[in-house]
Amino acid sequence: MKKTVISLLALGGALALQPALAQDGESLYKSKACVACHAIDSKLVGPAYKEVAAKYAGQDGAVEMLAGKIKNGSQGVWGPVPMPPNAVTEEEAKILAEWVLSHK
């Protein structure tokens, strides 16, 4: 019984840490739907992240603006295909936006 309780506690702890371990931009990118439409250096359905980074380079508020587009979706900025809203938290959207904008 004691081994079972310890095992369950260890499993619960590991599951609780999982979101914390995936809080870098590349891990989030790979774990979310981003990879279906975006690549770092080539256009797929959506623009390459290097294009996005170049477009918004040096703009004040770019992280917040892009995080909003990631979370809420966007239309008409990069062509006729809309980007749907993504199932991310505010914090995840900000991490993703910072990561995208780091691709120069």
Protein backbone atom coordinates (compact mmCIF):
# COMPACT_ATOMS: atom_id res chain seq x y z
CA MET A 1 0.00 0.00 0.00
CA LYS A 2 2.78 2.40 0.93
CA LYS A 3 4.53 1.79 -2.41
CA THR A 4 1.29 2.50 -4.26
CA VAL A 5 0.78 5.81 -2.47
CA ILE A 6 4.38 6.86 -3.12
CA SER A 7 4.04 5.88 -6.79
CA LEU A 8 0.82 7.88 -7.13
CA LEU A 9 2.42 10.91 -5.50
CA ALA A 10 5.40 10.68 -7.82
CA LEU A 11 3.13 10.38 -10.86
CA GLY A 12 1.04 13.34 -9.69
CA GLY A 13 4.18 15.41 -9.20
CA ALA A 14 5.46 14.54 -12.65
CA LEU A 15 2.14 15.46 -14.24
CA ALA A 16 2.05 18.73 -12.32
CA LEU A 17 5.53 19.63 -13.60
CA GLN A 18 4.77 18.76 -17.22
CA PRO A 19 3.42 22.23 -18.17
CA ALA A 20 6.41 23.86 -16.48
CA LEU A 21 8.81 21.71 -18.51
CA ALA A 22 7.13 22.67 -21.79
CA GLN A 23 7.33 26.41 -21.27
CA ASP A 24 9.95 27.22 -23.89
CA GLY A 25 8.86 28.45 -27.30
CA GLU A 26 10.11 25.56 -29.37
CA SER A 27 8.46 22.94 -27.13
CA LEU A 28 5.19 24.86 -27.19
CA TYR A 29 5.39 25.22 -30.98
CA LYS A 30 5.84 21.48 -31.35
CA SER A 31 3.10 20.62 -28.86
CA LYS A 32 0.43 22.93 -30.28
CA ALA A 33 -1.27 23.09 -33.67
CA CYS A 34 1.30 25.64 -34.92
CA VAL A 35 3.29 23.01 -36.82
CA ALA A 36 0.35 22.24 -39.08
CA CYS A 37 0.53 25.64 -40.77
CA HIS A 38 3.90 27.24 -39.92
CA ALA A 39 7.59 26.48 -40.34
CA ILE A 40 10.57 28.50 -39.20
CA ASP A 41 12.07 29.35 -42.57
CA SER A 42 9.53 28.40 -45.24
CA LYS A 43 5.93 29.30 -45.97
CA LEU A 44 3.39 26.54 -45.50
CA VAL A 45 -0.25 27.55 -45.07
CA GLY A 46 0.88 30.52 -43.00
CA PRO A 47 4.02 32.62 -43.18
CA ALA A 48 7.46 31.43 -42.10
CA TYR A 49 8.38 32.59 -38.62
CA LYS A 50 11.42 34.37 -40.06
CA GLU A 51 9.04 36.46 -42.21
CA VAL A 52 6.91 37.28 -39.17
CA ALA A 53 9.99 38.24 -37.15
CA ALA A 54 11.23 40.48 -39.98
CA LYS A 55 7.85 42.19 -40.40
CA TYR A 56 7.53 43.10 -36.73
CA ALA A 57 11.23 43.66 -35.91
CA GLY A 58 11.76 46.62 -33.64
CA GLN A 59 8.05 47.47 -33.28
CA ASP A 60 6.86 48.49 -29.84
CA GLY A 61 4.21 46.12 -28.51
CA ALA A 62 4.97 43.44 -31.10
CA VAL A 63 5.03 40.63 -28.52
CA GLU A 64 1.63 41.58 -27.09
CA MET A 65 0.11 42.10 -30.54
CA LEU A 66 1.39 38.78 -31.86
CA ALA A 67 0.38 36.95 -28.66
CA GLY A 68 -3.15 38.27 -29.19
CA LYS A 69 -3.18 36.99 -32.77
CA ILE A 70 -1.91 33.60 -31.62
CA LYS A 71 -4.57 33.30 -28.94
CA ASN A 72 -7.53 34.92 -30.74
CA GLY A 73 -6.76 34.25 -34.40
CA SER A 74 -6.24 36.67 -37.25
CA GLN A 75 -7.40 37.29 -40.79
CA GLY A 76 -6.13 39.22 -43.79
CA VAL A 77 -2.63 40.04 -42.53
CA TRP A 78 -0.77 37.41 -44.56
CA GLY A 79 -3.33 36.67 -47.25
CA PRO A 80 -6.84 35.29 -47.51
CA VAL A 81 -6.39 32.20 -45.29
CA PRO A 82 -7.41 33.05 -41.72
CA MET A 83 -5.46 31.87 -38.70
CA PRO A 84 -7.92 30.31 -36.25
CA PRO A 85 -7.77 30.97 -32.51
CA ASN A 86 -5.40 28.63 -30.69
CA ALA A 87 -5.95 26.75 -27.46
CA VAL A 88 -3.21 28.50 -25.51
CA THR A 89 -3.09 30.44 -22.29
CA GLU A 90 -2.08 34.10 -22.20
CA GLU A 91 1.33 33.04 -20.88
CA GLU A 92 1.80 30.42 -23.60
CA ALA A 93 0.80 32.92 -26.30
CA LYS A 94 3.40 35.38 -24.99
CA ILE A 95 6.11 32.71 -24.88
CA LEU A 96 5.25 31.66 -28.44
CA ALA A 97 5.23 35.26 -29.65
CA GLU A 98 8.64 35.95 -28.11
CA TRP A 99 9.98 32.76 -29.68
CA VAL A 100 8.58 33.58 -33.12
CA LEU A 101 10.01 37.10 -32.99
CA SER A 102 13.44 35.73 -32.05
CA HIS A 103 13.85 34.20 -35.54
CA LYS A 104 15.85 36.75 -37.43
